[in-house]
Structure formats: C-alpha cells, structure tokens
C-alpha cells in the first residue's frame, strides 16, 4: 500500500475529474423530482450509478485508466497502481458494506484482480451529506480494514450555486383600515387580528 504523499503525487492528474464526476452526479440526482420518494439505500444506489456512468464517460480512452465490473461493483484501475471504487461515506469517512469476501478483500488492501501487478492500493472516492441531506464533502480514502489509513479532501466548495432573486420586504406595520362589520357602525382599527 502506497503512502498518502506518494499516492497523491501519482493521482494528481485525476483528482479534479474524480471530484467533478461526483459533484455532477449528485447535482443531477438533486434535479430529479422523484428523489423525494427514494429510501436512503435507493438514493445511494442511484447516485452511485450516476457517478460510475459519468466517471466511465470521462475516463473512457484515458491512458492509464481501465474500467472493470466484478459482481456488480465497478472498479477503476489507475496506472496499475490503484484500484478505485466510488462510495457514500458516513461522518467518519467510512463506507457501509455488506460483508462479502470481495468487500473484505478490498477493505483489507488485498488484490481482487490477478491481472494487476502487486502491490495495488485500494481507494474509495466518495461523498458525505450533512444532516439536511446536502452534499458536504468529497473525499479520497485509503481503507485499512475497519479504519482509514489516510483520507484526503478533494474539494471544500461543493454546493451548487443557484441564483435567488430577493424581493423587497412588505410593510411590517400596514396602515389602519376602516372596517364595517355587518350591522355595526364604522370602526377604525387594525385588521391583522
């Protein structure tokens, strides 16, 4: 497993693309009106599918990157030194995985593909949401069993900017109006009751 400094030096040309595909996928998902009906698992799966689709398109014919799917998981081989997966992170920058031999091998930095030269460093690129479900961070992590060997923030500015037009505030104290109740005399007073 490569150390953080060495890994980032090799990955530098790819980091902006990784951050971009995650941001673009989440922004696209957020424009889907059906998202309100998705449970957390479905939302995570839909976002992951969008990320993988966008990453596959960006990295297609990119020298130094190969893409392979194994048992439903898409992996990106980067310069035959890294095996990258996209995932959603919790607040501790850990992933949720169904415990399978494949997921345990990946977390344990074991090789999943015979065609890759040893040693290969397994990495996750992923995102976190805040308590409101808004994108709060994009990170690269190097898992080592139940902990991360290292983490690296890919971006600090992740919000999609949406212009908002503000109207001038209405009067706070409207003038008193004359009101006539049915069958009563004219009464002056405030109608805000």
Protein backbone atom coordinates (compact mmCIF):
# COMPACT_ATOMS: atom_id res chain seq x y z
CA UNK A 1 0.00 0.00 0.00
CA UNK A 2 1.38 3.39 -1.02
CA UNK A 3 1.64 6.21 1.49
CA UNK A 4 -0.59 9.28 1.17
CA UNK A 5 2.07 11.63 -0.22
CA UNK A 6 3.21 9.15 -2.88
CA UNK A 7 -0.37 8.26 -3.80
CA UNK A 8 -1.46 11.88 -4.23
CA UNK A 9 1.56 12.64 -6.40
CA UNK A 10 0.59 9.84 -8.82
CA UNK A 11 -3.16 10.61 -8.65
CA UNK A 12 -2.84 14.38 -9.09
CA UNK A 13 -3.95 14.44 -12.78
CA UNK A 14 -7.13 12.52 -11.88
CA UNK A 15 -8.29 14.21 -8.66
CA UNK A 16 -10.20 17.09 -10.28
CA UNK A 17 -12.03 14.67 -12.60
CA UNK A 18 -12.97 12.42 -9.67
CA UNK A 19 -14.36 15.39 -7.74
CA UNK A 20 -16.18 16.70 -10.81
CA UNK A 21 -17.98 13.44 -11.61
CA UNK A 22 -19.18 13.08 -8.00
CA UNK A 23 -20.42 16.69 -7.87
CA UNK A 24 -22.10 16.46 -11.29
CA UNK A 25 -23.82 13.18 -10.42
CA UNK A 26 -25.21 14.50 -7.13
CA UNK A 27 -26.38 17.74 -8.76
CA UNK A 28 -28.10 15.71 -11.49
CA UNK A 29 -29.74 13.49 -8.88
CA UNK A 30 -30.95 16.55 -6.96
CA UNK A 31 -32.83 17.76 -10.05
CA UNK A 32 -34.84 14.51 -10.14
CA UNK A 33 -38.33 15.21 -8.73
CA UNK A 34 -38.76 11.52 -7.84
CA UNK A 35 -35.86 11.67 -5.36
CA UNK A 36 -38.34 12.59 -2.63
CA UNK A 37 -39.78 9.08 -2.79
CA UNK A 38 -36.47 7.19 -2.55
CA UNK A 39 -35.30 5.50 0.62
CA UNK A 40 -31.65 6.03 1.65
CA UNK A 41 -30.47 2.80 0.02
CA UNK A 42 -32.15 3.63 -3.29
CA UNK A 43 -30.82 7.19 -3.20
CA UNK A 44 -27.26 5.94 -2.60
CA UNK A 45 -27.56 3.37 -5.38
CA UNK A 46 -28.97 5.92 -7.85
CA UNK A 47 -26.20 8.40 -7.05
CA UNK A 48 -23.56 5.68 -7.35
CA UNK A 49 -24.92 4.64 -10.75
CA UNK A 50 -24.75 8.26 -11.93
CA UNK A 51 -21.20 8.66 -10.60
CA UNK A 52 -19.99 5.45 -12.25
CA UNK A 53 -21.66 6.42 -15.54
CA UNK A 54 -20.08 9.88 -15.54
CA UNK A 55 -16.67 8.55 -14.46
CA UNK A 56 -16.79 5.86 -17.16
CA UNK A 57 -17.52 8.51 -19.79
CA UNK A 58 -14.77 10.84 -18.52
CA UNK A 59 -12.15 8.10 -18.24
CA UNK A 60 -13.09 6.31 -21.48
CA UNK A 61 -9.96 6.05 -23.65
CA UNK A 62 -7.97 7.85 -20.94
CA UNK A 63 -4.46 6.49 -20.99
CA UNK A 64 -3.61 4.93 -17.68
CA UNK A 65 -7.20 4.07 -16.69
CA UNK A 66 -9.01 0.78 -17.18
CA UNK A 67 -12.56 0.04 -16.06
CA UNK A 68 -13.82 -3.35 -14.97
CA UNK A 69 -17.01 -4.59 -13.30
CA UNK A 70 -16.95 -7.58 -10.99
CA UNK A 71 -20.04 -8.93 -9.21
CA UNK A 72 -21.95 -5.68 -9.56
CA UNK A 73 -19.10 -3.38 -8.49
CA UNK A 74 -17.30 -1.13 -10.96
CA UNK A 75 -13.60 -0.59 -10.38
CA UNK A 76 -11.26 1.92 -11.98
CA UNK A 77 -7.64 0.78 -12.40
CA UNK A 78 -5.46 3.86 -12.28
CA UNK A 79 -1.96 3.45 -13.74
CA UNK A 80 -1.93 -0.16 -12.50
CA UNK A 81 -1.13 1.17 -9.02
CA UNK A 82 -4.62 1.92 -7.66
CA UNK A 83 -7.99 0.23 -7.62
CA UNK A 84 -10.71 2.88 -7.14
CA UNK A 85 -14.36 2.48 -6.14
CA UNK A 86 -16.99 5.17 -5.64
CA UNK A 87 -19.00 5.07 -2.40
CA UNK A 88 -21.04 7.18 0.01
CA UNK A 89 -19.25 7.90 3.31
CA UNK A 90 -20.63 8.30 6.81
CA UNK A 91 -19.50 11.18 9.05
CA UNK A 92 -16.35 9.19 9.94
CA UNK A 93 -15.47 8.78 6.23
CA UNK A 94 -16.19 5.06 6.37
CA UNK A 95 -18.34 3.11 3.92
CA UNK A 96 -21.25 0.80 4.59
CA UNK A 97 -20.65 -2.57 3.01
CA UNK A 98 -22.41 -5.88 3.01
CA UNK A 99 -19.75 -8.21 4.41
CA UNK A 100 -18.66 -10.28 1.42
CA UNK A 101 -15.32 -11.80 0.56
CA UNK A 102 -14.92 -9.20 -2.18
CA UNK A 103 -15.67 -6.21 0.10
CA UNK A 104 -13.45 -7.58 2.87
CA UNK A 105 -10.58 -8.10 0.42
CA UNK A 106 -10.94 -4.53 -0.81
CA UNK A 107 -11.04 -3.09 2.72
CA UNK A 108 -8.05 -5.23 3.68
CA UNK A 109 -5.94 -3.97 0.75
CA UNK A 110 -5.89 -7.39 -0.89
CA UNK A 111 -5.80 -7.75 -4.66
CA UNK A 112 -9.11 -8.51 -6.38
CA UNK A 113 -7.75 -8.98 -9.88
CA UNK A 114 -4.95 -11.27 -10.95
CA UNK A 115 -4.06 -9.06 -13.93
CA UNK A 116 -2.91 -6.21 -11.67
CA UNK A 117 0.70 -6.19 -10.59
CA UNK A 118 1.35 -6.29 -6.84
CA UNK A 119 1.14 -4.21 -4.76
CA UNK A 120 -2.02 -2.29 -5.59
CA UNK A 121 -3.53 0.34 -3.28
CA UNK A 122 -7.31 0.14 -2.95
CA UNK A 123 -9.04 3.53 -2.66
CA UNK A 124 -12.54 4.88 -2.18
CA UNK A 125 -13.66 8.16 -3.71
CA UNK A 126 -16.87 9.34 -2.16
CA UNK A 127 -19.06 11.97 -0.63
CA UNK A 128 -20.75 12.92 2.61
CA UNK A 129 -24.09 14.58 3.26
CA UNK A 130 -24.91 16.90 6.13
CA UNK A 131 -27.95 16.43 8.38
CA UNK A 132 -30.16 18.14 5.78
CA UNK A 133 -29.09 15.75 3.02
CA UNK A 134 -26.92 18.34 1.28
CA UNK A 135 -23.54 17.46 -0.17
CA UNK A 136 -20.99 18.45 2.46
CA UNK A 137 -17.72 16.95 1.24
CA UNK A 138 -15.91 14.86 -1.35
CA UNK A 139 -13.01 12.70 -0.20
CA UNK A 140 -10.48 10.12 -1.22
CA UNK A 141 -9.78 7.45 1.40
CA UNK A 142 -7.41 4.54 1.72
CA UNK A 143 -9.12 1.80 3.77
CA UNK A 144 -7.18 -0.49 6.07
CA UNK A 145 -9.68 -2.91 7.50
CA UNK A 146 -12.06 -1.10 9.86
CA UNK A 147 -10.15 2.20 9.73
CA UNK A 148 -8.76 4.53 7.09
CA UNK A 149 -5.01 4.52 6.60
CA UNK A 150 -5.40 8.04 5.24
CA UNK A 151 -8.03 10.47 3.94
CA UNK A 152 -7.81 13.43 1.60
CA UNK A 153 -10.47 16.09 0.92
CA UNK A 154 -10.96 16.58 -2.82
CA UNK A 155 -12.92 19.78 -2.51
CA UNK A 156 -14.06 22.25 0.07
CA UNK A 157 -16.62 24.09 -2.05
CA UNK A 158 -19.23 21.53 -3.05
CA UNK A 159 -22.55 23.36 -3.11
CA UNK A 160 -24.24 24.02 -6.42
CA UNK A 161 -24.90 27.76 -6.67
CA UNK A 162 -28.48 28.59 -7.52
CA UNK A 163 -29.28 32.30 -8.02
CA UNK A 164 -32.08 33.63 -5.86
CA UNK A 165 -33.96 36.86 -6.55
CA UNK A 166 -34.95 38.70 -3.41
CA UNK A 167 -37.99 40.94 -3.34
CA UNK A 168 -38.19 43.94 -1.07
CA UNK A 169 -39.92 43.11 2.20
CA UNK A 170 -43.56 44.10 2.53
CA UNK A 171 -44.59 46.69 5.07
CA UNK A 172 -44.21 45.48 8.63
CA UNK A 173 -46.98 47.68 10.05
CA UNK A 174 -49.73 48.17 7.48
CA UNK A 175 -51.80 51.32 7.93
CA UNK A 176 -55.02 51.04 9.88
CA UNK A 177 -58.02 50.34 7.70
CA UNK A 178 -61.66 51.11 8.18
CA UNK A 179 -63.75 48.06 8.71
CA UNK A 180 -67.51 47.82 8.89
CA UNK A 181 -68.93 44.72 10.47
CA UNK A 182 -72.31 43.69 9.21
CA UNK A 183 -74.97 45.51 11.12
CA UNK A 184 -72.48 47.64 13.11
CA UNK A 185 -71.19 51.17 12.89
CA UNK A 186 -67.93 52.05 11.15
CA UNK A 187 -64.98 51.03 13.34
CA UNK A 188 -61.35 52.11 12.95
CA UNK A 189 -58.66 49.61 13.81
CA UNK A 190 -56.04 47.18 12.65
CA UNK A 191 -57.24 44.27 10.52
CA UNK A 192 -54.37 41.95 11.49
CA UNK A 193 -56.32 40.14 14.20
